[in-house]
Amino acid sequence: MSAQRRATLGDVPVGDGLPVVLMGALNVSPESFYPGSVFPAVEDLLGAALAMVDAGAALIDVGARSTAPYRSTEISEDEEARRLGEALDTLVPKLPVTVSADTMRPGPARVALEAGARVLNDVGAGTEPALATLAAQHGASLIIMASPRPAETAPPPTAPGPAPLESVRGCLAEGLARARSAGVPADRIVLDPGIGFFRGGRVDWVTWDVEVLNGLKGLAGLGRPLCVGVSRKSFLGAITGREAPGERLPASLAATTVAVLNGAAVIRTHDVAATRDAVRVAERVLERGRS
């Protein structure tokens, strides 16, 4: 298999021909949509992170501010930086794996990198140029997640616009170009299609997420590995009727399997052990299909 779509997240190689990598998702933001991922006390956070590593996580992604597009949970940049700095000061010296910082603002990103984070997980589609610049300066890796542009959140136009996958592809291509211009090497960049973030546009959000998840192979032309996060997200609740995120694990595992079969190289999850099993089964199916 071609090594064209390979990258390194911190010191973790990901992409074509390599096993799917699990990224454990943790939060120190009480506002986050899934309370089961939130550990405000640093000792609890460390315990949860170590458990994820034991279960198979090669990366731990830490967020300090909820970015769910349907929640009004804004906090200041200074507060996000404080939370993130405290969390990483605890985790980085004690974890045997790469730590990633989930942020789209330069202040928290700088604090995270200085605390030892080796990956920035930018949910802002690379629209804040300082994040890519910081990643380049620190030799860090960058995950660029597709995020709605005005055309995706404006009232539906009279004429049909780009299909969901086309919109995501364009968004990611722009973010990738900005990161490369800022000096981030291509082999330090991974792309994320932004499942769960496109709402209020011309296509209803559940249909949007399903179409993008089903069409992940259509993003291969961007030449970068894909990180996909479907864990306990609201489109799964809408499909299954499970309103509470805590009830969405089976749906998350089903969506994860689809993502892996369609080419995901990294899976971001709140449930590492269960997700590992789903990923391994999907990988075995893919392996059999190639034999």
C-alpha atoms as a PDB file:
ATOM      1  CA  MET A   1       0.000   0.000   0.000  1.00  0.00           C
ATOM      2  CA  SER A   2       1.235   3.508  -0.787  1.00  0.00           C
ATOM      3  CA  ALA A   3       2.805   5.483   2.045  1.00  0.00           C
ATOM      4  CA  GLN A   4       1.612   8.771   0.539  1.00  0.00           C
ATOM      5  CA  ARG A   5      -1.030   9.325   3.217  1.00  0.00           C
ATOM      6  CA  ARG A   6       1.166   8.934   6.261  1.00  0.00           C
ATOM      7  CA  ALA A   7       1.952  11.368   9.024  1.00  0.00           C
ATOM      8  CA  THR A   8       3.359  11.489  12.528  1.00  0.00           C
ATOM      9  CA  LEU A   9       1.341  12.793  15.482  1.00  0.00           C
ATOM     10  CA  GLY A  10       4.003  13.582  18.037  1.00  0.00           C
ATOM     11  CA  ASP A  11       5.981  10.362  17.756  1.00  0.00           C
ATOM     12  CA  VAL A  12       3.040   8.208  16.631  1.00  0.00           C
ATOM     13  CA  PRO A  13       3.057   7.182  12.945  1.00  0.00           C
ATOM     14  CA  VAL A  14      -0.402   7.041  11.363  1.00  0.00           C
ATOM     15  CA  GLY A  15      -1.835   6.386   7.942  1.00  0.00           C
ATOM     16  CA  ASP A  16      -1.819   3.943   5.065  1.00  0.00           C
ATOM     17  CA  GLY A  17      -0.575   0.465   5.854  1.00  0.00           C
ATOM     18  CA  LEU A  18      -0.426   1.090   9.608  1.00  0.00           C
ATOM     19  CA  PRO A  19      -2.810  -0.074  12.347  1.00  0.00           C
ATOM     20  CA  VAL A  20      -5.573   2.370  13.211  1.00  0.00           C
ATOM     21  CA  VAL A  21      -4.482   4.546  16.128  1.00  0.00           C
ATOM     22  CA  LEU A  22      -6.746   5.267  19.095  1.00  0.00           C
ATOM     23  CA  MET A  23      -6.834   8.747  20.602  1.00  0.00           C
ATOM     24  CA  GLY A  24      -8.434   8.957  24.040  1.00  0.00           C
ATOM     25  CA  ALA A  25     -10.564  12.072  24.559  1.00  0.00           C
ATOM     26  CA  LEU A  26     -10.576  13.721  27.992  1.00  0.00           C
ATOM     27  CA  ASN A  27     -11.908  17.069  29.176  1.00  0.00           C
ATOM     28  CA  VAL A  28     -11.378  19.442  32.060  1.00  0.00           C
ATOM     29  CA  SER A  29     -14.335  21.541  30.944  1.00  0.00           C
ATOM     30  CA  PRO A  30     -17.481  20.975  33.040  1.00  0.00           C
ATOM     31  CA  GLU A  31     -19.455  22.392  30.087  1.00  0.00           C
ATOM     32  CA  SER A  32     -18.628  19.454  27.788  1.00  0.00           C
ATOM     33  CA  PHE A  33     -21.537  17.584  26.236  1.00  0.00           C
ATOM     34  CA  TYR A  34     -20.558  14.206  27.705  1.00  0.00           C
ATOM     35  CA  PRO A  35     -20.044  14.346  31.483  1.00  0.00           C
ATOM     36  CA  GLY A  36     -18.334  10.960  31.435  1.00  0.00           C
ATOM     37  CA  SER A  37     -15.312  12.545  29.741  1.00  0.00           C
ATOM     38  CA  VAL A  38     -14.891  15.350  32.286  1.00  0.00           C
ATOM     39  CA  PHE A  39     -12.298  15.178  35.075  1.00  0.00           C
ATOM     40  CA  PRO A  40     -11.788  18.617  36.678  1.00  0.00           C
ATOM     41  CA  ALA A  41      -9.591  17.190  39.466  1.00  0.00           C
ATOM     42  CA  VAL A  42      -6.086  16.538  38.138  1.00  0.00           C
ATOM     43  CA  GLU A  43      -5.644  13.295  40.048  1.00  0.00           C
ATOM     44  CA  ASP A  44      -8.835  11.905  38.504  1.00  0.00           C
ATOM     45  CA  LEU A  45      -7.730  13.130  35.087  1.00  0.00           C
ATOM     46  CA  LEU A  46      -4.403  11.330  35.402  1.00  0.00           C
ATOM     47  CA  GLY A  47      -6.114   8.116  36.477  1.00  0.00           C
ATOM     48  CA  ALA A  48      -8.496   8.258  33.524  1.00  0.00           C
ATOM     49  CA  ALA A  49      -5.645   8.964  31.108  1.00  0.00           C
ATOM     50  CA  LEU A  50      -3.542   6.076  32.395  1.00  0.00           C
ATOM     51  CA  ALA A  51      -6.544   3.757  32.103  1.00  0.00           C
ATOM     52  CA  MET A  52      -6.955   4.825  28.475  1.00  0.00           C
ATOM     53  CA  VAL A  53      -3.300   4.107  27.786  1.00  0.00           C
ATOM     54  CA  ASP A  54      -3.640   0.674  29.391  1.00  0.00           C
ATOM     55  CA  ALA A  55      -6.655   0.040  27.149  1.00  0.00           C
ATOM     56  CA  GLY A  56      -4.721   0.856  23.994  1.00  0.00           C
ATOM     57  CA  ALA A  57      -4.689   4.620  23.445  1.00  0.00           C
ATOM     58  CA  ALA A  58      -1.537   5.821  21.666  1.00  0.00           C
ATOM     59  CA  LEU A  59      -2.532   9.465  22.128  1.00  0.00           C
ATOM     60  CA  ILE A  60      -4.412  11.390  24.785  1.00  0.00           C
ATOM     61  CA  ASP A  61      -6.332  14.483  23.638  1.00  0.00           C
ATOM     62  CA  VAL A  62      -7.215  17.022  26.327  1.00  0.00           C
ATOM     63  CA  GLY A  63      -9.795  19.768  25.940  1.00  0.00           C
ATOM     64  CA  ALA A  64     -10.487  22.644  28.317  1.00  0.00           C
ATOM     65  CA  ARG A  65     -13.404  24.301  26.526  1.00  0.00           C
ATOM     66  CA  SER A  66     -16.539  22.822  25.038  1.00  0.00           C
ATOM     67  CA  THR A  67     -16.720  23.372  21.288  1.00  0.00           C
ATOM     68  CA  ALA A  68     -19.999  21.542  20.680  1.00  0.00           C
ATOM     69  CA  PRO A  69     -21.805  23.826  18.207  1.00  0.00           C
ATOM     70  CA  TYR A  70     -25.204  23.431  19.879  1.00  0.00           C
ATOM     71  CA  ARG A  71     -24.100  24.460  23.387  1.00  0.00           C
ATOM     72  CA  SER A  72     -23.706  27.992  24.776  1.00  0.00           C
ATOM     73  CA  THR A  73     -20.742  27.360  27.030  1.00  0.00           C
ATOM     74  CA  GLU A  74     -18.246  30.086  26.188  1.00  0.00           C
ATOM     75  CA  ILE A  75     -15.336  30.736  28.521  1.00  0.00           C
ATOM     76  CA  SER A  76     -12.502  33.231  28.213  1.00  0.00           C
ATOM     77  CA  GLU A  77      -9.258  32.432  26.469  1.00  0.00           C
ATOM     78  CA  ASP A  78      -7.400  32.993  29.733  1.00  0.00           C
ATOM     79  CA  GLU A  79      -9.609  30.494  31.571  1.00  0.00           C
ATOM     80  CA  GLU A  80      -9.152  27.910  28.832  1.00  0.00           C
ATOM     81  CA  ALA A  81      -5.380  28.417  28.985  1.00  0.00           C
ATOM     82  CA  ARG A  82      -5.365  28.062  32.770  1.00  0.00           C
ATOM     83  CA  ARG A  83      -7.349  24.825  32.686  1.00  0.00           C
ATOM     84  CA  LEU A  84      -5.298  23.362  29.874  1.00  0.00           C
ATOM     85  CA  GLY A  85      -1.980  24.309  31.447  1.00  0.00           C
ATOM     86  CA  GLU A  86      -2.874  22.725  34.783  1.00  0.00           C
ATOM     87  CA  ALA A  87      -4.045  19.536  33.072  1.00  0.00           C
ATOM     88  CA  LEU A  88      -0.958  19.153  30.889  1.00  0.00           C
ATOM     89  CA  ASP A  89       1.429  19.989  33.706  1.00  0.00           C
ATOM     90  CA  THR A  90      -0.013  16.917  35.423  1.00  0.00           C
ATOM     91  CA  LEU A  91      -0.301  14.592  32.437  1.00  0.00           C
ATOM     92  CA  VAL A  92       2.761  15.162  30.278  1.00  0.00           C
ATOM     93  CA  PRO A  93       5.422  14.115  32.815  1.00  0.00           C
ATOM     94  CA  LYS A  94       3.506  10.989  33.818  1.00  0.00           C
ATOM     95  CA  LEU A  95       2.070   9.600  30.582  1.00  0.00           C
ATOM     96  CA  PRO A  96       4.076   7.265  28.342  1.00  0.00           C
ATOM     97  CA  VAL A  97       2.220   8.505  25.230  1.00  0.00           C
ATOM     98  CA  THR A  98       1.907  11.691  23.191  1.00  0.00           C
ATOM     99  CA  VAL A  99      -0.449  14.332  24.564  1.00  0.00           C
ATOM    100  CA  SER A 100      -2.593  16.473  22.269  1.00  0.00           C
ATOM    101  CA  ALA A 101      -4.283  19.776  23.116  1.00  0.00           C
ATOM    102  CA  ASP A 102      -7.795  20.314  21.772  1.00  0.00           C
ATOM    103  CA  THR A 103      -8.024  24.056  21.172  1.00  0.00           C
ATOM    104  CA  MET A 104      -8.623  26.609  18.428  1.00  0.00           C
ATOM    105  CA  ARG A 105      -7.200  29.642  20.240  1.00  0.00           C
ATOM    106  CA  PRO A 106      -3.539  30.726  20.271  1.00  0.00           C
ATOM    107  CA  GLY A 107      -3.241  31.529  23.982  1.00  0.00           C
ATOM    108  CA  PRO A 108      -4.199  28.053  25.203  1.00  0.00           C
ATOM    109  CA  ALA A 109      -2.223  26.479  22.343  1.00  0.00           C
ATOM    110  CA  ARG A 110       0.931  28.278  23.401  1.00  0.00           C
ATOM    111  CA  VAL A 111       0.461  27.245  27.027  1.00  0.00           C
ATOM    112  CA  ALA A 112      -0.154  23.636  25.968  1.00  0.00           C
ATOM    113  CA  LEU A 113       2.951  23.453  23.799  1.00  0.00           C
ATOM    114  CA  GLU A 114       5.096  24.967  26.527  1.00  0.00           C
ATOM    115  CA  ALA A 115       3.686  22.341  28.906  1.00  0.00           C
ATOM    116  CA  GLY A 116       4.781  19.556  26.571  1.00  0.00           C
ATOM    117  CA  ALA A 117       1.866  18.891  24.216  1.00  0.00           C
ATOM    118  CA  ARG A 118       3.163  17.615  20.896  1.00  0.00           C
ATOM    119  CA  VAL A 119      -0.051  17.845  18.906  1.00  0.00           C
ATOM    120  CA  LEU A 120      -2.532  20.692  18.425  1.00  0.00           C
ATOM    121  CA  ASN A 121      -6.041  19.505  17.601  1.00  0.00           C
ATOM    122  CA  ASP A 122      -7.497  22.554  15.850  1.00  0.00           C
ATOM    123  CA  VAL A 123     -11.278  22.356  15.588  1.00  0.00           C
ATOM    124  CA  GLY A 124     -11.342  25.746  13.862  1.00  0.00           C
ATOM    125  CA  ALA A 125     -10.351  24.445  10.418  1.00  0.00           C
ATOM    126  CA  GLY A 126      -7.064  26.328  10.518  1.00  0.00           C
ATOM    127  CA  THR A 127      -8.753  29.719  10.351  1.00  0.00           C
ATOM    128  CA  GLU A 128      -6.610  31.044  13.217  1.00  0.00           C
ATOM    129  CA  PRO A 129      -3.174  31.344  11.539  1.00  0.00           C
ATOM    130  CA  ALA A 130      -1.343  31.596  14.877  1.00  0.00           C
ATOM    131  CA  LEU A 131      -2.057  27.938  15.675  1.00  0.00           C
ATOM    132  CA  ALA A 132      -0.218  26.647  12.616  1.00  0.00           C
ATOM    133  CA  THR A 133       2.601  29.104  13.258  1.00  0.00           C
ATOM    134  CA  LEU A 134       2.918  27.867  16.842  1.00  0.00           C
ATOM    135  CA  ALA A 135       2.911  24.246  15.676  1.00  0.00           C
ATOM    136  CA  ALA A 136       5.676  25.006  13.189  1.00  0.00           C
ATOM    137  CA  GLN A 137       7.763  26.871  15.767  1.00  0.00           C
ATOM    138  CA  HIS A 138       7.505  24.037  18.295  1.00  0.00           C
ATOM    139  CA  GLY A 139       7.903  21.179  15.817  1.00  0.00           C
ATOM    140  CA  ALA A 140       4.443  19.975  16.805  1.00  0.00           C
ATOM    141  CA  SER A 141       1.915  18.040  14.756  1.00  0.00           C
ATOM    142  CA  LEU A 142      -1.425  19.496  13.729  1.00  0.00           C
ATOM    143  CA  ILE A 143      -4.878  18.003  13.333  1.00  0.00           C
ATOM    144  CA  ILE A 144      -7.043  20.274  11.191  1.00  0.00           C
ATOM    145  CA  MET A 145     -10.749  19.690  11.634  1.00  0.00           C
ATOM    146  CA  ALA A 146     -13.324  20.883   9.126  1.00  0.00           C
ATOM    147  CA  SER A 147     -15.553  23.541  10.631  1.00  0.00           C
ATOM    148  CA  PRO A 148     -18.516  25.362   9.094  1.00  0.00           C
ATOM    149  CA  ARG A 149     -17.846  28.427   7.004  1.00  0.00           C
ATOM    150  CA  PRO A 150     -20.575  31.081   6.665  1.00  0.00           C
ATOM    151  CA  ALA A 151     -22.061  29.323   3.644  1.00  0.00           C
ATOM    152  CA  GLU A 152     -22.713  26.226   5.725  1.00  0.00           C
ATOM    153  CA  THR A 153     -24.505  28.066   8.541  1.00  0.00           C
ATOM    154  CA  ALA A 154     -26.436  30.676   6.572  1.00  0.00           C
ATOM    155  CA  PRO A 155     -30.151  30.216   5.798  1.00  0.00           C
ATOM    156  CA  PRO A 156     -30.615  27.688   3.008  1.00  0.00           C
ATOM    157  CA  PRO A 157     -30.147  29.394  -0.379  1.00  0.00           C
ATOM    158  CA  THR A 158     -32.660  29.155  -3.187  1.00  0.00           C
ATOM    159  CA  ALA A 159     -30.123  27.311  -5.315  1.00  0.00           C
ATOM    160  CA  PRO A 160     -28.511  24.134  -3.993  1.00  0.00           C
ATOM    161  CA  GLY A 161     -24.942  24.522  -2.764  1.00  0.00           C
ATOM    162  CA  PRO A 162     -22.090  22.051  -2.540  1.00  0.00           C
ATOM    163  CA  ALA A 163     -22.841  18.602  -1.174  1.00  0.00           C
ATOM    164  CA  PRO A 164     -21.636  17.880   2.369  1.00  0.00           C
ATOM    165  CA  LEU A 165     -18.534  15.981   1.310  1.00  0.00           C
ATOM    166  CA  GLU A 166     -17.605  18.652  -1.209  1.00  0.00           C
ATOM    167  CA  SER A 167     -17.945  21.345   1.452  1.00  0.00           C
ATOM    168  CA  VAL A 168     -15.806  19.387   3.907  1.00  0.00           C
ATOM    169  CA  ARG A 169     -13.181  18.694   1.253  1.00  0.00           C
ATOM    170  CA  GLY A 170     -12.946  22.386   0.357  1.00  0.00           C
ATOM    171  CA  CYS A 171     -12.706  23.418   3.991  1.00  0.00           C
ATOM    172  CA  LEU A 172      -9.937  20.925   4.694  1.00  0.00           C
ATOM    173  CA  ALA A 173      -8.029  21.850   1.546  1.00  0.00           C
ATOM    174  CA  GLU A 174      -8.008  25.489   2.623  1.00  0.00           C
ATOM    175  CA  GLY A 175      -6.872  24.612   6.143  1.00  0.00           C
ATOM    176  CA  LEU A 176      -4.158  22.346   4.808  1.00  0.00           C
ATOM    177  CA  ALA A 177      -2.857  25.071   2.492  1.00  0.00           C
ATOM    178  CA  ARG A 178      -2.758  27.594   5.345  1.00  0.00           C
ATOM    179  CA  ALA A 179      -0.851  25.192   7.580  1.00  0.00           C
ATOM    180  CA  ARG A 180       1.687  24.421   4.859  1.00  0.00           C
ATOM    181  CA  SER A 181       2.175  28.152   4.242  1.00  0.00           C
ATOM    182  CA  ALA A 182       2.835  28.605   7.965  1.00  0.00           C
ATOM    183  CA  GLY A 183       5.637  26.075   7.774  1.00  0.00           C
ATOM    184  CA  VAL A 184       4.017  22.904   9.128  1.00  0.00           C
ATOM    185  CA  PRO A 185       5.425  19.933   7.174  1.00  0.00           C
ATOM    186  CA  ALA A 186       2.844  17.817   5.381  1.00  0.00           C
ATOM    187  CA  ASP A 187       3.981  14.755   7.306  1.00  0.00           C
ATOM    188  CA  ARG A 188       2.959  16.481  10.543  1.00  0.00           C
ATOM    189  CA  ILE A 189      -0.626  17.160   9.418  1.00  0.00           C
ATOM    190  CA  VAL A 190      -3.727  14.993   9.843  1.00  0.00           C
ATOM    191  CA  LEU A 191      -7.232  16.001   8.738  1.00  0.00           C
ATOM    192  CA  ASP A 192     -10.580  15.561  10.506  1.00  0.00           C
ATOM    193  CA  PRO A 193     -13.917  15.802   8.628  1.00  0.00           C
ATOM    194  CA  GLY A 194     -15.667  17.501  11.554  1.00  0.00           C
ATOM    195  CA  ILE A 195     -18.454  15.034  12.249  1.00  0.00           C
ATOM    196  CA  GLY A 196     -21.021  16.745  14.481  1.00  0.00           C
ATOM    197  CA  PHE A 197     -20.008  20.335  13.766  1.00  0.00           C
ATOM    198  CA  PHE A 198     -22.070  21.250  10.708  1.00  0.00           C
ATOM    199  CA  ARG A 199     -25.516  22.454  11.710  1.00  0.00           C
ATOM    200  CA  GLY A 200     -28.126  24.934  10.564  1.00  0.00           C
ATOM    201  CA  GLY A 201     -27.273  24.839   6.881  1.00  0.00           C
ATOM    202  CA  ARG A 202     -28.876  23.680   3.682  1.00  0.00           C
ATOM    203  CA  VAL A 203     -28.697  19.997   4.653  1.00  0.00           C
ATOM    204  CA  ASP A 204     -30.040  18.757   7.978  1.00  0.00           C
ATOM    205  CA  TRP A 205     -27.220  17.926  10.369  1.00  0.00           C
ATOM    206  CA  VAL A 206     -27.939  14.205  10.715  1.00  0.00           C
ATOM    207  CA  THR A 207     -27.950  13.702   6.947  1.00  0.00           C
ATOM    208  CA  TRP A 208     -24.767  15.784   6.720  1.00  0.00           C
ATOM    209  CA  ASP A 209     -22.887  13.611   9.195  1.00  0.00           C
ATOM    210  CA  VAL A 210     -24.111  10.361   7.661  1.00  0.00           C
ATOM    211  CA  GLU A 211     -23.118  11.459   4.152  1.00  0.00           C
ATOM    212  CA  VAL A 212     -19.656  12.561   5.243  1.00  0.00           C
ATOM    213  CA  LEU A 213     -19.049   9.393   7.251  1.00  0.00           C
ATOM    214  CA  ASN A 214     -20.171   7.283   4.305  1.00  0.00           C
ATOM    215  CA  GLY A 215     -18.001   9.278   1.893  1.00  0.00           C
ATOM    216  CA  LEU A 216     -14.694   9.437   3.777  1.00  0.00           C
ATOM    217  CA  LYS A 217     -12.886   7.744   0.895  1.00  0.00           C
ATOM    218  CA  GLY A 218     -13.678  10.847  -1.140  1.00  0.00           C
ATOM    219  CA  LEU A 219     -11.224  12.806   1.026  1.00  0.00           C
ATOM    220  CA  ALA A 220      -8.270  10.583   0.057  1.00  0.00           C
ATOM    221  CA  GLY A 221      -7.257  13.017  -2.662  1.00  0.00           C
ATOM    222  CA  LEU A 222      -6.148  15.526  -0.024  1.00  0.00           C
ATOM    223  CA  GLY A 223      -3.215  13.209   0.623  1.00  0.00           C
ATOM    224  CA  ARG A 224      -3.383  13.264   4.420  1.00  0.00           C
ATOM    225  CA  PRO A 225      -4.474  10.636   6.955  1.00  0.00           C
ATOM    226  CA  LEU A 226      -7.882  11.111   8.530  1.00  0.00           C
ATOM    227  CA  CYS A 227      -8.751  11.393  12.215  1.00  0.00           C
ATOM    228  CA  VAL A 228     -12.447  10.727  12.846  1.00  0.00           C
ATOM    229  CA  GLY A 229     -14.384  11.414  16.025  1.00  0.00           C
ATOM    230  CA  VAL A 230     -17.921  10.037  16.238  1.00  0.00           C
ATOM    231  CA  SER A 231     -17.882   9.119  19.918  1.00  0.00           C
ATOM    232  CA  ARG A 232     -21.308   9.613  21.547  1.00  0.00           C
ATOM    233  CA  LYS A 233     -22.163  12.487  19.188  1.00  0.00           C
ATOM    234  CA  SER A 234     -25.639  13.883  18.772  1.00  0.00           C
ATOM    235  CA  PHE A 235     -26.300  12.566  15.259  1.00  0.00           C
ATOM    236  CA  LEU A 236     -26.089   9.085  16.759  1.00  0.00           C
ATOM    237  CA  GLY A 237     -28.645  10.065  19.374  1.00  0.00           C
ATOM    238  CA  ALA A 238     -30.942  11.383  16.665  1.00  0.00           C
ATOM    239  CA  ILE A 239     -30.675   8.147  14.696  1.00  0.00           C
ATOM    240  CA  THR A 240     -31.151   5.808  17.653  1.00  0.00           C
ATOM    241  CA  GLY A 241     -33.451   7.888  19.841  1.00  0.00           C
ATOM    242  CA  ARG A 242     -30.826   7.891  22.620  1.00  0.00           C
ATOM    243  CA  GLU A 243     -30.992  11.436  23.926  1.00  0.00           C
ATOM    244  CA  ALA A 244     -28.397  10.976  26.680  1.00  0.00           C
ATOM    245  CA  PRO A 245     -24.766  10.756  25.463  1.00  0.00           C
ATOM    246  CA  GLY A 246     -24.156   8.096  28.099  1.00  0.00           C
ATOM    247  CA  GLU A 247     -26.474   5.746  26.200  1.00  0.00           C
ATOM    248  CA  ARG A 248     -24.747   6.067  22.825  1.00  0.00           C
ATOM    249  CA  LEU A 249     -21.830   3.639  23.117  1.00  0.00           C
ATOM    250  CA  PRO A 250     -23.272   0.932  20.824  1.00  0.00           C
ATOM    251  CA  ALA A 251     -24.067   3.533  18.178  1.00  0.00           C
ATOM    252  CA  SER A 252     -20.581   4.995  18.570  1.00  0.00           C
ATOM    253  CA  LEU A 253     -19.017   1.594  17.950  1.00  0.00           C
ATOM    254  CA  ALA A 254     -21.143   1.062  14.845  1.00  0.00           C
ATOM    255  CA  ALA A 255     -20.145   4.470  13.447  1.00  0.00           C
ATOM    256  CA  THR A 256     -16.492   3.822  14.318  1.00  0.00           C
ATOM    257  CA  THR A 257     -16.595   0.584  12.340  1.00  0.00           C
ATOM    258  CA  VAL A 258     -17.947   2.471   9.322  1.00  0.00           C
ATOM    259  CA  ALA A 259     -15.205   5.078   9.682  1.00  0.00           C
ATOM    260  CA  VAL A 260     -12.439   2.477   9.756  1.00  0.00           C
ATOM    261  CA  LEU A 261     -13.874   0.589   6.788  1.00  0.00           C
ATOM    262  CA  ASN A 262     -13.914   3.891   4.893  1.00  0.00           C
ATOM    263  CA  GLY A 263     -10.307   4.753   5.606  1.00  0.00           C
ATOM    264  CA  ALA A 264      -9.954   6.454   9.016  1.00  0.00           C
ATOM    265  CA  ALA A 265      -6.391   6.240  10.324  1.00  0.00           C
ATOM    266  CA  VAL A 266      -7.048   7.680  13.788  1.00  0.00           C
ATOM    267  CA  ILE A 267     -10.171   7.265  15.915  1.00  0.00           C
ATOM    268  CA  ARG A 268     -10.816   9.795  18.670  1.00  0.00           C
ATOM    269  CA  THR A 269     -12.945   8.206  21.377  1.00  0.00           C
ATOM    270  CA  HIS A 270     -14.186   8.515  24.950  1.00  0.00           C
ATOM    271  CA  ASP A 271     -14.273   4.707  25.272  1.00  0.00           C
ATOM    272  CA  VAL A 272     -10.887   3.309  24.349  1.00  0.00           C
ATOM    273  CA  ALA A 273     -11.278  -0.342  25.371  1.00  0.00           C
ATOM    274  CA  ALA A 274     -14.610  -0.926  23.627  1.00  0.00           C
ATOM    275  CA  THR A 275     -13.555   1.092  20.591  1.00  0.00           C
ATOM    276  CA  ARG A 276     -10.316  -0.900  20.294  1.00  0.00           C
ATOM    277  CA  ASP A 277     -12.344  -4.080  19.816  1.00  0.00           C
ATOM    278  CA  ALA A 278     -14.555  -2.513  17.148  1.00  0.00           C
ATOM    279  CA  VAL A 279     -11.508  -1.157  15.331  1.00  0.00           C
ATOM    280  CA  ARG A 280      -9.698  -4.495  15.368  1.00  0.00           C
ATOM    281  CA  VAL A 281     -12.703  -6.295  13.885  1.00  0.00           C
ATOM    282  CA  ALA A 282     -13.020  -3.659  11.140  1.00  0.00           C
ATOM    283  CA  GLU A 283      -9.298  -3.934  10.403  1.00  0.00           C
ATOM    284  CA  ARG A 284      -9.583  -7.706  10.099  1.00  0.00           C
ATOM    285  CA  VAL A 285     -12.425  -7.320   7.621  1.00  0.00           C
ATOM    286  CA  LEU A 286     -10.341  -4.875   5.583  1.00  0.00           C
ATOM    287  CA  GLU A 287      -7.343  -7.214   5.699  1.00  0.00           C
ATOM    288  CA  ARG A 288      -9.472 -10.098   4.439  1.00  0.00           C
ATOM    289  CA  GLY A 289     -10.855  -7.910   1.669  1.00  0.00           C
ATOM    290  CA  ARG A 290      -7.339  -7.177   0.426  1.00  0.00           C
ATOM    291  CA  SER A 291      -6.173 -10.792   0.494  1.00  0.00           C
END
